[in-house]
Amino acid sequence: MKLKKGDTVRVVYGKDRGREGKIERVYKKSLRVLIPGINMYKNHIKKTQEYPQGGVVELPRPIHISKVAFFCQKCKSAVRLGYKIENNKKIRICKKCGSQV
């Protein structure tokens, strides 16, 4: 998986297409990422001490990595990532402009 926690991504498909955000958590087994404010769903909460009134709360759900693309700050667009080996280290690069990520 080429995306990591803290990367800025742009949603390419779905109801939130065109929106950007930073990855908060990566789920490697299910190939999903959690981005705050994107892919929001409503959850009905029972009355508890935390929520004395109960009610409806909006929560972000993980989105599949195929629906997001890395956002390059230099190109100002959604791009694919590649790898380059320098000094026995793997470095992520932008496929469009070739800059190091």
C-alpha atoms as a PDB file:
ATOM      1  CA  MET A   1       0.000   0.000   0.000  1.00  0.00           C
ATOM      2  CA  LYS A   2       1.557   3.284  -1.104  1.00  0.00           C
ATOM      3  CA  LEU A   3      -0.604   5.594   1.015  1.00  0.00           C
ATOM      4  CA  LYS A   4       0.411   6.343   4.594  1.00  0.00           C
ATOM      5  CA  LYS A   5      -0.988   8.123   7.634  1.00  0.00           C
ATOM      6  CA  GLY A   6      -0.678  11.903   7.234  1.00  0.00           C
ATOM      7  CA  ASP A   7      -0.766  11.898   3.414  1.00  0.00           C
ATOM      8  CA  THR A   8      -3.047  14.420   1.717  1.00  0.00           C
ATOM      9  CA  VAL A   9      -5.429  12.674  -0.671  1.00  0.00           C
ATOM     10  CA  ARG A  10      -8.210  13.682  -3.055  1.00  0.00           C
ATOM     11  CA  VAL A  11     -11.389  11.612  -3.475  1.00  0.00           C
ATOM     12  CA  VAL A  12     -11.691  10.544  -7.117  1.00  0.00           C
ATOM     13  CA  TYR A  13     -14.958   8.527  -7.060  1.00  0.00           C
ATOM     14  CA  GLY A  14     -18.158   8.592  -5.050  1.00  0.00           C
ATOM     15  CA  LYS A  15     -20.358  11.129  -3.322  1.00  0.00           C
ATOM     16  CA  ASP A  16     -17.395  13.140  -1.971  1.00  0.00           C
ATOM     17  CA  ARG A  17     -15.584  13.403  -5.332  1.00  0.00           C
ATOM     18  CA  GLY A  18     -13.189  16.368  -5.497  1.00  0.00           C
ATOM     19  CA  ARG A  19     -12.791  16.796  -1.729  1.00  0.00           C
ATOM     20  CA  GLU A  20      -9.397  16.604  -0.031  1.00  0.00           C
ATOM     21  CA  GLY A  21      -8.241  15.524   3.390  1.00  0.00           C
ATOM     22  CA  LYS A  22      -5.410  14.005   5.419  1.00  0.00           C
ATOM     23  CA  ILE A  23      -5.380  10.295   6.166  1.00  0.00           C
ATOM     24  CA  GLU A  24      -6.019   9.671   9.858  1.00  0.00           C
ATOM     25  CA  ARG A  25      -5.766   5.868   9.856  1.00  0.00           C
ATOM     26  CA  VAL A  26      -4.868   3.111   7.380  1.00  0.00           C
ATOM     27  CA  TYR A  27      -6.530  -0.325   7.417  1.00  0.00           C
ATOM     28  CA  LYS A  28      -4.079  -2.558   5.530  1.00  0.00           C
ATOM     29  CA  LYS A  29      -6.088  -5.809   5.493  1.00  0.00           C
ATOM     30  CA  SER A  30      -9.284  -4.283   4.121  1.00  0.00           C
ATOM     31  CA  LEU A  31      -7.408  -1.719   1.923  1.00  0.00           C
ATOM     32  CA  ARG A  32      -9.277   1.248   3.389  1.00  0.00           C
ATOM     33  CA  VAL A  33      -8.315   4.651   4.786  1.00  0.00           C
ATOM     34  CA  LEU A  34     -10.087   6.891   7.292  1.00  0.00           C
ATOM     35  CA  ILE A  35     -10.254  10.576   6.366  1.00  0.00           C
ATOM     36  CA  PRO A  36     -12.022  12.959   8.777  1.00  0.00           C
ATOM     37  CA  GLY A  37     -14.946  14.815   7.197  1.00  0.00           C
ATOM     38  CA  ILE A  38     -15.164  12.453   4.205  1.00  0.00           C
ATOM     39  CA  ASN A  39     -17.595   9.551   3.733  1.00  0.00           C
ATOM     40  CA  MET A  40     -19.760  10.737   6.651  1.00  0.00           C
ATOM     41  CA  TYR A  41     -22.685   8.581   7.794  1.00  0.00           C
ATOM     42  CA  LYS A  42     -25.382   9.137  10.385  1.00  0.00           C
ATOM     43  CA  ASN A  43     -25.476   6.896  13.445  1.00  0.00           C
ATOM     44  CA  HIS A  44     -28.436   6.777  15.843  1.00  0.00           C
ATOM     45  CA  ILE A  45     -27.306   6.857  19.482  1.00  0.00           C
ATOM     46  CA  LYS A  46     -29.305   5.629  22.486  1.00  0.00           C
ATOM     47  CA  LYS A  47     -29.524   7.723  25.635  1.00  0.00           C
ATOM     48  CA  THR A  48     -26.346   7.411  27.701  1.00  0.00           C
ATOM     49  CA  GLN A  49     -24.473   9.505  30.236  1.00  0.00           C
ATOM     50  CA  GLU A  50     -22.369  10.855  27.389  1.00  0.00           C
ATOM     51  CA  TYR A  51     -25.438  11.676  25.264  1.00  0.00           C
ATOM     52  CA  PRO A  52     -28.329  12.304  27.699  1.00  0.00           C
ATOM     53  CA  GLN A  53     -30.707  13.237  24.862  1.00  0.00           C
ATOM     54  CA  GLY A  54     -29.594  10.471  22.500  1.00  0.00           C
ATOM     55  CA  GLY A  55     -30.016  11.401  18.865  1.00  0.00           C
ATOM     56  CA  VAL A  56     -28.239  11.264  15.523  1.00  0.00           C
ATOM     57  CA  VAL A  57     -24.446  11.656  15.248  1.00  0.00           C
ATOM     58  CA  GLU A  58     -22.418  11.938  12.052  1.00  0.00           C
ATOM     59  CA  LEU A  59     -19.324   9.719  11.923  1.00  0.00           C
ATOM     60  CA  PRO A  60     -16.689   9.185   9.200  1.00  0.00           C
ATOM     61  CA  ARG A  61     -16.385   5.692   7.757  1.00  0.00           C
ATOM     62  CA  PRO A  62     -13.324   4.245   6.055  1.00  0.00           C
ATOM     63  CA  ILE A  63     -13.183   4.613   2.265  1.00  0.00           C
ATOM     64  CA  HIS A  64     -11.521   2.157  -0.132  1.00  0.00           C
ATOM     65  CA  ILE A  65      -8.079   3.212  -1.396  1.00  0.00           C
ATOM     66  CA  SER A  66      -9.145   2.760  -5.014  1.00  0.00           C
ATOM     67  CA  LYS A  67     -11.465   5.757  -4.568  1.00  0.00           C
ATOM     68  CA  VAL A  68      -8.721   8.145  -3.439  1.00  0.00           C
ATOM     69  CA  ALA A  69      -5.535   9.435  -5.065  1.00  0.00           C
ATOM     70  CA  PHE A  70      -2.463  11.055  -3.536  1.00  0.00           C
ATOM     71  CA  PHE A  71      -2.494  14.860  -3.830  1.00  0.00           C
ATOM     72  CA  CYS A  72       0.894  16.276  -4.898  1.00  0.00           C
ATOM     73  CA  GLN A  73       1.561  19.744  -3.455  1.00  0.00           C
ATOM     74  CA  LYS A  74       3.960  20.607  -6.290  1.00  0.00           C
ATOM     75  CA  CYS A  75       1.656  19.554  -9.168  1.00  0.00           C
ATOM     76  CA  LYS A  76      -1.527  20.689  -7.346  1.00  0.00           C
ATOM     77  CA  SER A  77      -3.344  17.605  -8.661  1.00  0.00           C
ATOM     78  CA  ALA A  78      -4.192  14.001  -7.813  1.00  0.00           C
ATOM     79  CA  VAL A  79      -1.348  11.746  -8.972  1.00  0.00           C
ATOM     80  CA  ARG A  80      -0.063   8.195  -8.836  1.00  0.00           C
ATOM     81  CA  LEU A  81       2.906   7.312  -6.657  1.00  0.00           C
ATOM     82  CA  GLY A  82       5.992   5.337  -7.616  1.00  0.00           C
ATOM     83  CA  TYR A  83       9.124   4.147  -5.893  1.00  0.00           C
ATOM     84  CA  LYS A  84      12.772   4.986  -6.494  1.00  0.00           C
ATOM     85  CA  ILE A  85      15.710   3.337  -4.728  1.00  0.00           C
ATOM     86  CA  GLU A  86      18.479   5.679  -3.550  1.00  0.00           C
ATOM     87  CA  ASN A  87      21.268   4.632  -1.151  1.00  0.00           C
ATOM     88  CA  ASN A  88      19.451   1.349  -0.384  1.00  0.00           C
ATOM     89  CA  LYS A  89      16.321   3.267   0.677  1.00  0.00           C
ATOM     90  CA  LYS A  90      12.925   3.180  -0.978  1.00  0.00           C
ATOM     91  CA  ILE A  91      11.656   6.705  -1.711  1.00  0.00           C
ATOM     92  CA  ARG A  92       8.148   7.565  -2.863  1.00  0.00           C
ATOM     93  CA  ILE A  93       7.986   9.834  -5.924  1.00  0.00           C
ATOM     94  CA  CYS A  94       5.243  11.603  -7.867  1.00  0.00           C
ATOM     95  CA  LYS A  95       4.723   9.931 -11.245  1.00  0.00           C
ATOM     96  CA  LYS A  96       3.695  13.227 -12.862  1.00  0.00           C
ATOM     97  CA  CYS A  97       6.485  15.626 -11.883  1.00  0.00           C
ATOM     98  CA  GLY A  98       9.059  13.204 -10.437  1.00  0.00           C
ATOM     99  CA  SER A  99       9.408  15.083  -7.148  1.00  0.00           C
ATOM    100  CA  GLN A 100      10.096  13.260  -3.896  1.00  0.00           C
ATOM    101  CA  VAL A 101       7.123  12.898  -1.569  1.00  0.00           C
END
